[in-house]
Amino acid sequence: MEDRIYTMVREADWRAAEAAGAYAGSADDARDGFLHFSTAAQLRASAAKHRAGVADLWLLEVDARRLGPALRWEAAAGGSRPGLFPHLYAQLPLSVVLAATRLPLGADGRHDFPPQIP
């Protein structure tokens, strides 16, 4: 599986995580029982489906190798999207976050991703 995985976090949740030293997840994560992540190849589609038009996002790049057995690669709910997605069944310690970057919206309303995202 991938060494680097990504998640999109709202500004207020990111600030709370910085204060706590760990990211506990969004309301969607709490509902589903795990933190949602994507690979670089999955990220644009995930943003379009789940975060379209959300302006206050941060993109977290995470070292998947350091997450241990709490990280599981699973199919999307209902098989709605092909491939396996990284799901973390624990809080995300900030010590494994490699980069946190603002994820602005472009003029077209889509998120402007950094160059490493295809």
C-alpha atoms as a PDB file:
ATOM      1  CA  MET A   1       0.000   0.000   0.000  1.00  0.00           C
ATOM      2  CA  GLU A   2       0.965   3.676  -0.142  1.00  0.00           C
ATOM      3  CA  ASP A   3       3.577   5.208   2.177  1.00  0.00           C
ATOM      4  CA  ARG A   4       1.860   8.611   2.164  1.00  0.00           C
ATOM      5  CA  ILE A   5      -1.842   9.191   2.662  1.00  0.00           C
ATOM      6  CA  TYR A   6      -3.917  12.367   2.852  1.00  0.00           C
ATOM      7  CA  THR A   7      -6.901  13.809   4.638  1.00  0.00           C
ATOM      8  CA  MET A   8      -8.702  17.142   4.405  1.00  0.00           C
ATOM      9  CA  VAL A   9      -9.392  18.871   7.704  1.00  0.00           C
ATOM     10  CA  ARG A  10     -11.471  21.958   8.456  1.00  0.00           C
ATOM     11  CA  GLU A  11      -9.564  24.912   9.923  1.00  0.00           C
ATOM     12  CA  ALA A  12     -11.214  24.747  13.370  1.00  0.00           C
ATOM     13  CA  ASP A  13     -10.553  20.994  13.616  1.00  0.00           C
ATOM     14  CA  TRP A  14      -6.916  21.489  12.607  1.00  0.00           C
ATOM     15  CA  ARG A  15      -6.431  24.207  15.253  1.00  0.00           C
ATOM     16  CA  ALA A  16      -7.986  21.907  17.880  1.00  0.00           C
ATOM     17  CA  ALA A  17      -5.665  19.092  16.786  1.00  0.00           C
ATOM     18  CA  GLU A  18      -2.625  21.368  17.082  1.00  0.00           C
ATOM     19  CA  ALA A  19      -3.632  22.232  20.643  1.00  0.00           C
ATOM     20  CA  ALA A  20      -4.318  18.580  21.566  1.00  0.00           C
ATOM     21  CA  GLY A  21      -1.384  16.983  19.714  1.00  0.00           C
ATOM     22  CA  ALA A  22      -3.722  14.660  17.804  1.00  0.00           C
ATOM     23  CA  TYR A  23      -6.557  14.883  15.298  1.00  0.00           C
ATOM     24  CA  ALA A  24      -9.707  13.163  16.579  1.00  0.00           C
ATOM     25  CA  GLY A  25     -11.601  13.399  13.283  1.00  0.00           C
ATOM     26  CA  SER A  26     -14.599  15.143  11.802  1.00  0.00           C
ATOM     27  CA  ALA A  27     -18.286  14.540  12.497  1.00  0.00           C
ATOM     28  CA  ASP A  28     -18.286  12.171   9.483  1.00  0.00           C
ATOM     29  CA  ASP A  29     -15.333  10.271  10.965  1.00  0.00           C
ATOM     30  CA  ALA A  30     -17.118   9.949  14.326  1.00  0.00           C
ATOM     31  CA  ARG A  31     -20.262   8.681  12.592  1.00  0.00           C
ATOM     32  CA  ASP A  32     -18.323   6.058  10.607  1.00  0.00           C
ATOM     33  CA  GLY A  33     -15.993   4.996  13.431  1.00  0.00           C
ATOM     34  CA  PHE A  34     -12.716   5.764  11.648  1.00  0.00           C
ATOM     35  CA  LEU A  35     -10.745   8.647  10.116  1.00  0.00           C
ATOM     36  CA  HIS A  36     -11.107   8.866   6.330  1.00  0.00           C
ATOM     37  CA  PHE A  37      -7.951   9.128   4.227  1.00  0.00           C
ATOM     38  CA  SER A  38      -7.141   8.961   0.523  1.00  0.00           C
ATOM     39  CA  THR A  39      -4.107   8.136  -1.539  1.00  0.00           C
ATOM     40  CA  ALA A  40      -2.691  10.872  -3.776  1.00  0.00           C
ATOM     41  CA  ALA A  41      -4.485   9.284  -6.750  1.00  0.00           C
ATOM     42  CA  GLN A  42      -7.843   9.206  -4.897  1.00  0.00           C
ATOM     43  CA  LEU A  43      -7.697  12.674  -3.358  1.00  0.00           C
ATOM     44  CA  ARG A  44      -9.171  14.857  -6.106  1.00  0.00           C
ATOM     45  CA  ALA A  45     -12.223  12.615  -6.480  1.00  0.00           C
ATOM     46  CA  SER A  46     -12.687  12.505  -2.691  1.00  0.00           C
ATOM     47  CA  ALA A  47     -12.503  16.302  -2.497  1.00  0.00           C
ATOM     48  CA  ALA A  48     -15.038  16.699  -5.307  1.00  0.00           C
ATOM     49  CA  LYS A  49     -17.437  14.220  -3.715  1.00  0.00           C
ATOM     50  CA  HIS A  50     -17.128  15.091  -0.020  1.00  0.00           C
ATOM     51  CA  ARG A  51     -15.617  18.595   0.253  1.00  0.00           C
ATOM     52  CA  ALA A  52     -16.841  20.462  -2.838  1.00  0.00           C
ATOM     53  CA  GLY A  53     -16.858  24.216  -2.244  1.00  0.00           C
ATOM     54  CA  VAL A  54     -15.461  23.993   1.313  1.00  0.00           C
ATOM     55  CA  ALA A  55     -13.060  26.911   1.634  1.00  0.00           C
ATOM     56  CA  ASP A  56     -11.512  26.420   5.087  1.00  0.00           C
ATOM     57  CA  LEU A  57      -9.607  23.165   4.505  1.00  0.00           C
ATOM     58  CA  TRP A  58      -6.110  22.021   5.342  1.00  0.00           C
ATOM     59  CA  LEU A  59      -4.515  19.098   3.521  1.00  0.00           C
ATOM     60  CA  LEU A  60      -2.606  16.749   5.820  1.00  0.00           C
ATOM     61  CA  GLU A  61       0.082  14.517   4.351  1.00  0.00           C
ATOM     62  CA  VAL A  62       0.668  11.555   6.660  1.00  0.00           C
ATOM     63  CA  ASP A  63       3.365   8.883   6.951  1.00  0.00           C
ATOM     64  CA  ALA A  64       1.196   5.767   6.675  1.00  0.00           C
ATOM     65  CA  ARG A  65       4.072   3.478   7.700  1.00  0.00           C
ATOM     66  CA  ARG A  66       4.003   4.903  11.224  1.00  0.00           C
ATOM     67  CA  LEU A  67       0.299   4.275  11.888  1.00  0.00           C
ATOM     68  CA  GLY A  68       0.581   0.564  12.627  1.00  0.00           C
ATOM     69  CA  PRO A  69      -2.344  -1.874  12.713  1.00  0.00           C
ATOM     70  CA  ALA A  70      -4.911   0.898  13.376  1.00  0.00           C
ATOM     71  CA  LEU A  71      -4.608   1.739   9.647  1.00  0.00           C
ATOM     72  CA  ARG A  72      -6.712  -0.547   7.468  1.00  0.00           C
ATOM     73  CA  TRP A  73      -7.165  -0.549   3.687  1.00  0.00           C
ATOM     74  CA  GLU A  74     -10.847  -1.064   2.936  1.00  0.00           C
ATOM     75  CA  ALA A  75     -13.405  -0.662   0.175  1.00  0.00           C
ATOM     76  CA  ALA A  76     -15.590   2.435   0.199  1.00  0.00           C
ATOM     77  CA  ALA A  77     -18.992   2.035   1.827  1.00  0.00           C
ATOM     78  CA  GLY A  78     -21.384   0.311  -0.525  1.00  0.00           C
ATOM     79  CA  GLY A  79     -18.578  -0.227  -3.043  1.00  0.00           C
ATOM     80  CA  SER A  80     -19.369   3.205  -4.496  1.00  0.00           C
ATOM     81  CA  ARG A  81     -15.776   3.852  -5.566  1.00  0.00           C
ATOM     82  CA  PRO A  82     -13.167   1.418  -6.866  1.00  0.00           C
ATOM     83  CA  GLY A  83     -10.029   0.581  -4.968  1.00  0.00           C
ATOM     84  CA  LEU A  84      -9.139   0.374  -1.303  1.00  0.00           C
ATOM     85  CA  PHE A  85      -9.136   3.449   0.923  1.00  0.00           C
ATOM     86  CA  PRO A  86      -6.996   4.018   4.028  1.00  0.00           C
ATOM     87  CA  HIS A  87      -9.095   4.168   7.200  1.00  0.00           C
ATOM     88  CA  LEU A  88      -7.541   4.933  10.588  1.00  0.00           C
ATOM     89  CA  TYR A  89      -9.245   3.378  13.611  1.00  0.00           C
ATOM     90  CA  ALA A  90      -7.542   5.703  16.099  1.00  0.00           C
ATOM     91  CA  GLN A  91      -6.766   9.366  16.559  1.00  0.00           C
ATOM     92  CA  LEU A  92      -4.089  10.761  14.254  1.00  0.00           C
ATOM     93  CA  PRO A  93      -0.991  11.747  16.247  1.00  0.00           C
ATOM     94  CA  LEU A  94       0.496  14.941  14.827  1.00  0.00           C
ATOM     95  CA  SER A  95       3.956  13.354  15.050  1.00  0.00           C
ATOM     96  CA  VAL A  96       3.155  11.376  11.858  1.00  0.00           C
ATOM     97  CA  VAL A  97       1.923  14.414   9.883  1.00  0.00           C
ATOM     98  CA  LEU A  98       4.602  15.202   7.297  1.00  0.00           C
ATOM     99  CA  ALA A  99       2.968  18.406   6.032  1.00  0.00           C
ATOM    100  CA  ALA A 100      -0.098  20.535   6.679  1.00  0.00           C
ATOM    101  CA  THR A 101      -0.974  22.850   3.794  1.00  0.00           C
ATOM    102  CA  ARG A 102      -3.891  25.187   3.246  1.00  0.00           C
ATOM    103  CA  LEU A 103      -6.123  23.844   0.484  1.00  0.00           C
ATOM    104  CA  PRO A 104      -7.580  26.907  -1.259  1.00  0.00           C
ATOM    105  CA  LEU A 105     -10.415  26.995  -3.724  1.00  0.00           C
ATOM    106  CA  GLY A 106      -9.548  28.019  -7.271  1.00  0.00           C
ATOM    107  CA  ALA A 107     -11.543  30.417  -9.428  1.00  0.00           C
ATOM    108  CA  ASP A 108     -13.467  27.406 -10.781  1.00  0.00           C
ATOM    109  CA  GLY A 109     -14.592  26.415  -7.262  1.00  0.00           C
ATOM    110  CA  ARG A 110     -12.366  23.332  -7.161  1.00  0.00           C
ATOM    111  CA  HIS A 111      -9.546  22.884  -4.690  1.00  0.00           C
ATOM    112  CA  ASP A 112      -6.026  23.850  -5.781  1.00  0.00           C
ATOM    113  CA  PHE A 113      -3.842  20.883  -4.819  1.00  0.00           C
ATOM    114  CA  PRO A 114      -0.070  20.933  -4.352  1.00  0.00           C
ATOM    115  CA  PRO A 115       2.063  19.514  -7.189  1.00  0.00           C
ATOM    116  CA  GLN A 116       2.505  16.021  -5.671  1.00  0.00           C
ATOM    117  CA  ILE A 117      -1.228  15.348  -6.109  1.00  0.00           C
ATOM    118  CA  PRO A 118      -1.917  14.029  -9.638  1.00  0.00           C
END
